[in-house]
Amino acid sequence: MDRREPTGPEAEAERHLVCRIRSLMSRFRTDTSGATAIEYGLIAALTFLTVVGALRLYGDRMTVMYEFIGSKVGSASS
């Protein structure tokens, strides 16, 4: 059996579509402009989580410290 390429306007449109898809995929693989934005977003998110964690830890310790100071001041004034 001999397989021949289809001819006609539909076949030409299909070849054109395949060519465009290949071109778009090639550009997508080589384009790195969006990767930088994603990397900066990930760095910002990690920094935010680190700051929030540090503030929560710092806040808990400050609460304990001020409660201790308050109890000492309260007992000293009595």
PDB file of N, CA and C in Angstrom:
ATOM      1  N   MET A   1       0.826  -1.167   0.000  1.00  0.00           N
ATOM      2  CA  MET A   1       0.000   0.000   0.000  1.00  0.00           C
ATOM      3  C   MET A   1       0.876   1.237   0.000  1.00  0.00           C
ATOM      4  N   ASP A   2       0.563   2.133  -0.894  1.00  0.00           N
ATOM      5  CA  ASP A   2       1.320   3.374  -1.034  1.00  0.00           C
ATOM      6  C   ASP A   2       0.545   4.496  -0.352  1.00  0.00           C
ATOM      7  N   ARG A   3       1.186   5.145   0.599  1.00  0.00           N
ATOM      8  CA  ARG A   3       0.510   6.223   1.310  1.00  0.00           C
ATOM      9  C   ARG A   3       0.899   7.553   0.681  1.00  0.00           C
ATOM     10  N   ARG A   4      -0.099   8.306   0.247  1.00  0.00           N
ATOM     11  CA  ARG A   4       0.158   9.596  -0.370  1.00  0.00           C
ATOM     12  C   ARG A   4      -0.278  10.714   0.565  1.00  0.00           C
ATOM     13  N   GLU A   5       0.399  11.837   0.425  1.00  0.00           N
ATOM     14  CA  GLU A   5       0.041  13.023   1.196  1.00  0.00           C
ATOM     15  C   GLU A   5      -1.303  13.546   0.714  1.00  0.00           C
ATOM     16  N   PRO A   6      -2.157  13.960   1.653  1.00  0.00           N
ATOM     17  CA  PRO A   6      -3.426  14.546   1.224  1.00  0.00           C
ATOM     18  C   PRO A   6      -3.189  15.890   0.542  1.00  0.00           C
ATOM     19  N   THR A   7      -4.054  16.208  -0.392  1.00  0.00           N
ATOM     20  CA  THR A   7      -3.939  17.470  -1.115  1.00  0.00           C
ATOM     21  C   THR A   7      -5.225  18.264  -0.943  1.00  0.00           C
ATOM     22  N   GLY A   8      -5.175  19.509  -1.296  1.00  0.00           N
ATOM     23  CA  GLY A   8      -6.371  20.338  -1.230  1.00  0.00           C
ATOM     24  C   GLY A   8      -6.233  21.404  -0.159  1.00  0.00           C
ATOM     25  N   PRO A   9      -7.231  22.265  -0.059  1.00  0.00           N
ATOM     26  CA  PRO A   9      -7.157  23.365   0.897  1.00  0.00           C
ATOM     27  C   PRO A   9      -7.132  22.915   2.353  1.00  0.00           C
ATOM     28  N   GLU A  10      -7.848  21.830   2.671  1.00  0.00           N
ATOM     29  CA  GLU A  10      -7.847  21.346   4.062  1.00  0.00           C
ATOM     30  C   GLU A  10      -6.475  20.828   4.465  1.00  0.00           C
ATOM     31  N   ALA A  11      -5.828  20.117   3.559  1.00  0.00           N
ATOM     32  CA  ALA A  11      -4.496  19.577   3.831  1.00  0.00           C
ATOM     33  C   ALA A  11      -3.489  20.712   4.002  1.00  0.00           C
ATOM     34  N   GLU A  12      -3.622  21.742   3.171  1.00  0.00           N
ATOM     35  CA  GLU A  12      -2.720  22.896   3.282  1.00  0.00           C
ATOM     36  C   GLU A  12      -2.943  23.620   4.611  1.00  0.00           C
ATOM     37  N   ALA A  13      -4.187  23.765   5.018  1.00  0.00           N
ATOM     38  CA  ALA A  13      -4.495  24.411   6.302  1.00  0.00           C
ATOM     39  C   ALA A  13      -3.953  23.583   7.469  1.00  0.00           C
ATOM     40  N   GLU A  14      -4.044  22.275   7.359  1.00  0.00           N
ATOM     41  CA  GLU A  14      -3.529  21.402   8.415  1.00  0.00           C
ATOM     42  C   GLU A  14      -2.006  21.506   8.512  1.00  0.00           C
ATOM     43  N   ARG A  15      -1.321  21.512   7.372  1.00  0.00           N
ATOM     44  CA  ARG A  15       0.134  21.661   7.389  1.00  0.00           C
ATOM     45  C   ARG A  15       0.536  23.020   7.982  1.00  0.00           C
ATOM     46  N   HIS A  16      -0.211  24.057   7.629  1.00  0.00           N
ATOM     47  CA  HIS A  16       0.059  25.392   8.165  1.00  0.00           C
ATOM     48  C   HIS A  16      -0.130  25.410   9.688  1.00  0.00           C
ATOM     49  N   LEU A  17      -1.187  24.765  10.160  1.00  0.00           N
ATOM     50  CA  LEU A  17      -1.455  24.705  11.601  1.00  0.00           C
ATOM     51  C   LEU A  17      -0.351  23.953  12.334  1.00  0.00           C
ATOM     52  N   VAL A  18       0.071  22.834  11.788  1.00  0.00           N
ATOM     53  CA  VAL A  18       1.148  22.053  12.398  1.00  0.00           C
ATOM     54  C   VAL A  18       2.432  22.872  12.445  1.00  0.00           C
ATOM     55  N   CYS A  19       2.709  23.602  11.376  1.00  0.00           N
ATOM     56  CA  CYS A  19       3.902  24.443  11.323  1.00  0.00           C
ATOM     57  C   CYS A  19       3.831  25.544  12.383  1.00  0.00           C
ATOM     58  N   ARG A  20       2.667  26.166  12.556  1.00  0.00           N
ATOM     59  CA  ARG A  20       2.499  27.213  13.574  1.00  0.00           C
ATOM     60  C   ARG A  20       2.659  26.651  14.981  1.00  0.00           C
ATOM     61  N   ILE A  21       2.093  25.476  15.224  1.00  0.00           N
ATOM     62  CA  ILE A  21       2.206  24.856  16.550  1.00  0.00           C
ATOM     63  C   ILE A  21       3.668  24.547  16.858  1.00  0.00           C
ATOM     64  N   ARG A  22       4.383  24.015  15.883  1.00  0.00           N
ATOM     65  CA  ARG A  22       5.808  23.736  16.090  1.00  0.00           C
ATOM     66  C   ARG A  22       6.585  25.007  16.376  1.00  0.00           C
ATOM     67  N   SER A  23       6.258  26.073  15.652  1.00  0.00           N
ATOM     68  CA  SER A  23       6.927  27.355  15.862  1.00  0.00           C
ATOM     69  C   SER A  23       6.640  27.899  17.261  1.00  0.00           C
ATOM     70  N   LEU A  24       5.392  27.834  17.691  1.00  0.00           N
ATOM     71  CA  LEU A  24       5.024  28.306  19.025  1.00  0.00           C
ATOM     72  C   LEU A  24       5.703  27.480  20.123  1.00  0.00           C
ATOM     73  N   MET A  25       5.748  26.179  19.935  1.00  0.00           N
ATOM     74  CA  MET A  25       6.394  25.317  20.927  1.00  0.00           C
ATOM     75  C   MET A  25       7.886  25.606  21.008  1.00  0.00           C
ATOM     76  N   SER A  26       8.496  25.873  19.876  1.00  0.00           N
ATOM     77  CA  SER A  26       9.920  26.205  19.860  1.00  0.00           C
ATOM     78  C   SER A  26      10.177  27.512  20.605  1.00  0.00           C
ATOM     79  N   ARG A  27       9.335  28.528  20.335  1.00  0.00           N
ATOM     80  CA  ARG A  27       9.484  29.801  21.047  1.00  0.00           C
ATOM     81  C   ARG A  27       9.223  29.622  22.538  1.00  0.00           C
ATOM     82  N   PHE A  28       8.255  28.794  22.901  1.00  0.00           N
ATOM     83  CA  PHE A  28       7.934  28.558  24.307  1.00  0.00           C
ATOM     84  C   PHE A  28       9.111  27.926  25.046  1.00  0.00           C
ATOM     85  N   ARG A  29       9.780  26.986  24.403  1.00  0.00           N
ATOM     86  CA  ARG A  29      10.925  26.322  25.042  1.00  0.00           C
ATOM     87  C   ARG A  29      12.107  27.253  25.251  1.00  0.00           C
ATOM     88  N   THR A  30      12.298  28.208  24.340  1.00  0.00           N
ATOM     89  CA  THR A  30      13.462  29.091  24.441  1.00  0.00           C
ATOM     90  C   THR A  30      13.179  30.384  25.189  1.00  0.00           C
ATOM     91  N   ASP A  31      11.917  30.705  25.465  1.00  0.00           N
ATOM     92  CA  ASP A  31      11.565  31.951  26.145  1.00  0.00           C
ATOM     93  C   ASP A  31      11.785  31.799  27.649  1.00  0.00           C
ATOM     94  N   THR A  32      12.607  32.667  28.224  1.00  0.00           N
ATOM     95  CA  THR A  32      12.890  32.602  29.659  1.00  0.00           C
ATOM     96  C   THR A  32      12.432  33.852  30.393  1.00  0.00           C
ATOM     97  N   SER A  33      11.721  34.755  29.738  1.00  0.00           N
ATOM     98  CA  SER A  33      11.330  36.006  30.392  1.00  0.00           C
ATOM     99  C   SER A  33      10.353  35.765  31.540  1.00  0.00           C
ATOM    100  N   GLY A  34       9.449  34.831  31.423  1.00  0.00           N
ATOM    101  CA  GLY A  34       8.500  34.547  32.493  1.00  0.00           C
ATOM    102  C   GLY A  34       9.143  33.819  33.662  1.00  0.00           C
ATOM    103  N   ALA A  35      10.203  33.087  33.401  1.00  0.00           N
ATOM    104  CA  ALA A  35      10.868  32.340  34.469  1.00  0.00           C
ATOM    105  C   ALA A  35      11.447  33.277  35.514  1.00  0.00           C
ATOM    106  N   THR A  36      11.975  34.412  35.094  1.00  0.00           N
ATOM    107  CA  THR A  36      12.549  35.363  36.040  1.00  0.00           C
ATOM    108  C   THR A  36      11.467  35.907  36.962  1.00  0.00           C
ATOM    109  N   ALA A  37      10.310  36.237  36.420  1.00  0.00           N
ATOM    110  CA  ALA A  37       9.212  36.754  37.236  1.00  0.00           C
ATOM    111  C   ALA A  37       8.755  35.699  38.239  1.00  0.00           C
ATOM    112  N   ILE A  38       8.684  34.465  37.817  1.00  0.00           N
ATOM    113  CA  ILE A  38       8.278  33.389  38.722  1.00  0.00           C
ATOM    114  C   ILE A  38       9.314  33.213  39.826  1.00  0.00           C
ATOM    115  N   GLU A  39      10.587  33.281  39.473  1.00  0.00           N
ATOM    116  CA  GLU A  39      11.639  33.142  40.484  1.00  0.00           C
ATOM    117  C   GLU A  39      11.554  34.265  41.512  1.00  0.00           C
ATOM    118  N   TYR A  40      11.348  35.503  41.047  1.00  0.00           N
ATOM    119  CA  TYR A  40      11.216  36.614  41.989  1.00  0.00           C
ATOM    120  C   TYR A  40       9.988  36.436  42.877  1.00  0.00           C
ATOM    121  N   GLY A  41       8.919  35.936  42.325  1.00  0.00           N
ATOM    122  CA  GLY A  41       7.719  35.669  43.120  1.00  0.00           C
ATOM    123  C   GLY A  41       7.972  34.631  44.196  1.00  0.00           C
ATOM    124  N   LEU A  42       8.692  33.576  43.842  1.00  0.00           N
ATOM    125  CA  LEU A  42       9.008  32.543  44.830  1.00  0.00           C
ATOM    126  C   LEU A  42       9.932  33.075  45.930  1.00  0.00           C
ATOM    127  N   ILE A  43      10.899  33.900  45.554  1.00  0.00           N
ATOM    128  CA  ILE A  43      11.800  34.492  46.543  1.00  0.00           C
ATOM    129  C   ILE A  43      11.020  35.396  47.481  1.00  0.00           C
ATOM    130  N   ALA A  44      10.104  36.213  46.932  1.00  0.00           N
ATOM    131  CA  ALA A  44       9.293  37.110  47.766  1.00  0.00           C
ATOM    132  C   ALA A  44       8.405  36.310  48.723  1.00  0.00           C
ATOM    133  N   ALA A  45       7.813  35.220  48.236  1.00  0.00           N
ATOM    134  CA  ALA A  45       6.954  34.397  49.084  1.00  0.00           C
ATOM    135  C   ALA A  45       7.755  33.753  50.210  1.00  0.00           C
ATOM    136  N   LEU A  46       8.937  33.258  49.906  1.00  0.00           N
ATOM    137  CA  LEU A  46       9.776  32.644  50.931  1.00  0.00           C
ATOM    138  C   LEU A  46      10.223  33.672  51.964  1.00  0.00           C
ATOM    139  N   THR A  47      10.578  34.866  51.499  1.00  0.00           N
ATOM    140  CA  THR A  47      10.968  35.940  52.421  1.00  0.00           C
ATOM    141  C   THR A  47       9.804  36.314  53.318  1.00  0.00           C
ATOM    142  N   PHE A  48       8.615  36.426  52.748  1.00  0.00           N
ATOM    143  CA  PHE A  48       7.423  36.758  53.534  1.00  0.00           C
ATOM    144  C   PHE A  48       7.171  35.706  54.606  1.00  0.00           C
ATOM    145  N   LEU A  49       7.239  34.442  54.238  1.00  0.00           N
ATOM    146  CA  LEU A  49       6.999  33.374  55.220  1.00  0.00           C
ATOM    147  C   LEU A  49       8.047  33.388  56.324  1.00  0.00           C
ATOM    148  N   THR A  50       9.282  33.690  55.985  1.00  0.00           N
ATOM    149  CA  THR A  50      10.344  33.764  56.987  1.00  0.00           C
ATOM    150  C   THR A  50      10.092  34.907  57.968  1.00  0.00           C
ATOM    151  N   VAL A  51       9.706  36.067  57.440  1.00  0.00           N
ATOM    152  CA  VAL A  51       9.440  37.224  58.297  1.00  0.00           C
ATOM    153  C   VAL A  51       8.244  36.951  59.198  1.00  0.00           C
ATOM    154  N   VAL A  52       7.192  36.387  58.666  1.00  0.00           N
ATOM    155  CA  VAL A  52       6.006  36.080  59.477  1.00  0.00           C
ATOM    156  C   VAL A  52       6.360  35.083  60.580  1.00  0.00           C
ATOM    157  N   GLY A  53       7.124  34.067  60.248  1.00  0.00           N
ATOM    158  CA  GLY A  53       7.533  33.093  61.265  1.00  0.00           C
ATOM    159  C   GLY A  53       8.385  33.728  62.350  1.00  0.00           C
ATOM    160  N   ALA A  54       9.319  34.587  61.944  1.00  0.00           N
ATOM    161  CA  ALA A  54      10.174  35.254  62.936  1.00  0.00           C
ATOM    162  C   ALA A  54       9.359  36.181  63.825  1.00  0.00           C
ATOM    163  N   LEU A  55       8.414  36.907  63.249  1.00  0.00           N
ATOM    164  CA  LEU A  55       7.584  37.815  64.051  1.00  0.00           C
ATOM    165  C   LEU A  55       6.693  37.056  65.026  1.00  0.00           C
ATOM    166  N   ARG A  56       6.184  35.929  64.611  1.00  0.00           N
ATOM    167  CA  ARG A  56       5.357  35.126  65.536  1.00  0.00           C
ATOM    168  C   ARG A  56       6.205  34.622  66.694  1.00  0.00           C
ATOM    169  N   LEU A  57       7.395  34.134  66.404  1.00  0.00           N
ATOM    170  CA  LEU A  57       8.288  33.650  67.459  1.00  0.00           C
ATOM    171  C   LEU A  57       8.688  34.800  68.374  1.00  0.00           C
ATOM    172  N   TYR A  58       9.039  35.936  67.783  1.00  0.00           N
ATOM    173  CA  TYR A  58       9.430  37.117  68.547  1.00  0.00           C
ATOM    174  C   TYR A  58       8.258  37.607  69.398  1.00  0.00           C
ATOM    175  N   GLY A  59       7.061  37.609  68.821  1.00  0.00           N
ATOM    176  CA  GLY A  59       5.870  38.052  69.551  1.00  0.00           C
ATOM    177  C   GLY A  59       5.578  37.170  70.752  1.00  0.00           C
ATOM    178  N   ASP A  60       5.699  35.873  70.600  1.00  0.00           N
ATOM    179  CA  ASP A  60       5.466  34.953  71.721  1.00  0.00           C
ATOM    180  C   ASP A  60       6.463  35.201  72.842  1.00  0.00           C
ATOM    181  N   ARG A  61       7.719  35.387  72.496  1.00  0.00           N
ATOM    182  CA  ARG A  61       8.747  35.624  73.511  1.00  0.00           C
ATOM    183  C   ARG A  61       8.553  36.969  74.187  1.00  0.00           C
ATOM    184  N   MET A  62       8.131  37.978  73.416  1.00  0.00           N
ATOM    185  CA  MET A  62       7.897  39.297  74.004  1.00  0.00           C
ATOM    186  C   MET A  62       6.725  39.261  74.969  1.00  0.00           C
ATOM    187  N   THR A  63       5.700  38.502  74.662  1.00  0.00           N
ATOM    188  CA  THR A  63       4.551  38.371  75.556  1.00  0.00           C
ATOM    189  C   THR A  63       4.990  37.769  76.886  1.00  0.00           C
ATOM    190  N   VAL A  64       5.773  36.724  76.838  1.00  0.00           N
ATOM    191  CA  VAL A  64       6.269  36.087  78.066  1.00  0.00           C
ATOM    192  C   VAL A  64       7.128  37.067  78.853  1.00  0.00           C
ATOM    193  N   MET A  65       7.988  37.806  78.165  1.00  0.00           N
ATOM    194  CA  MET A  65       8.869  38.757  78.848  1.00  0.00           C
ATOM    195  C   MET A  65       8.058  39.857  79.528  1.00  0.00           C
ATOM    196  N   TYR A  66       7.074  40.433  78.825  1.00  0.00           N
ATOM    197  CA  TYR A  66       6.282  41.510  79.425  1.00  0.00           C
ATOM    198  C   TYR A  66       5.387  41.002  80.550  1.00  0.00           C
ATOM    199  N   GLU A  67       4.916  39.796  80.467  1.00  0.00           N
ATOM    200  CA  GLU A  67       4.147  39.219  81.581  1.00  0.00           C
ATOM    201  C   GLU A  67       5.042  39.052  82.805  1.00  0.00           C
ATOM    202  N   PHE A  68       6.277  38.622  82.589  1.00  0.00           N
ATOM    203  CA  PHE A  68       7.233  38.474  83.689  1.00  0.00           C
ATOM    204  C   PHE A  68       7.528  39.833  84.315  1.00  0.00           C
ATOM    205  N   ILE A  69       7.791  40.835  83.491  1.00  0.00           N
ATOM    206  CA  ILE A  69       8.078  42.181  84.001  1.00  0.00           C
ATOM    207  C   ILE A  69       6.864  42.724  84.742  1.00  0.00           C
ATOM    208  N   GLY A  70       5.683  42.540  84.170  1.00  0.00           N
ATOM    209  CA  GLY A  70       4.449  43.012  84.829  1.00  0.00           C
ATOM    210  C   GLY A  70       4.235  42.355  86.188  1.00  0.00           C
ATOM    211  N   SER A  71       4.522  41.081  86.284  1.00  0.00           N
ATOM    212  CA  SER A  71       4.329  40.397  87.576  1.00  0.00           C
ATOM    213  C   SER A  71       5.337  40.898  88.604  1.00  0.00           C
ATOM    214  N   LYS A  72       6.572  41.171  88.185  1.00  0.00           N
ATOM    215  CA  LYS A  72       7.601  41.677  89.113  1.00  0.00           C
ATOM    216  C   LYS A  72       7.271  43.108  89.561  1.00  0.00           C
ATOM    217  N   VAL A  73       6.805  43.931  88.632  1.00  0.00           N
ATOM    218  CA  VAL A  73       6.436  45.300  88.987  1.00  0.00           C
ATOM    219  C   VAL A  73       5.221  45.281  89.913  1.00  0.00           C
ATOM    220  N   GLY A  74       4.281  44.404  89.592  1.00  0.00           N
ATOM    221  CA  GLY A  74       3.076  44.285  90.448  1.00  0.00           C
ATOM    222  C   GLY A  74       3.413  43.812  91.838  1.00  0.00           C
ATOM    223  N   SER A  75       4.316  42.852  91.978  1.00  0.00           N
ATOM    224  CA  SER A  75       4.667  42.334  93.304  1.00  0.00           C
ATOM    225  C   SER A  75       5.566  43.344  94.043  1.00  0.00           C
ATOM    226  N   ALA A  76       6.344  44.147  93.343  1.00  0.00           N
ATOM    227  CA  ALA A  76       7.222  45.129  93.986  1.00  0.00           C
ATOM    228  C   ALA A  76       6.403  46.298  94.518  1.00  0.00           C
ATOM    229  N   SER A  77       5.300  46.659  93.857  1.00  0.00           N
ATOM    230  CA  SER A  77       4.492  47.784  94.307  1.00  0.00           C
ATOM    231  C   SER A  77       3.544  47.408  95.411  1.00  0.00           C
ATOM    232  N   SER A  78       3.372  46.131  95.698  1.00  0.00           N
ATOM    233  CA  SER A  78       2.441  45.695  96.734  1.00  0.00           C
ATOM    234  C   SER A  78       3.037  45.777  98.106  1.00  0.00           C
TER     235      SER A  78
END
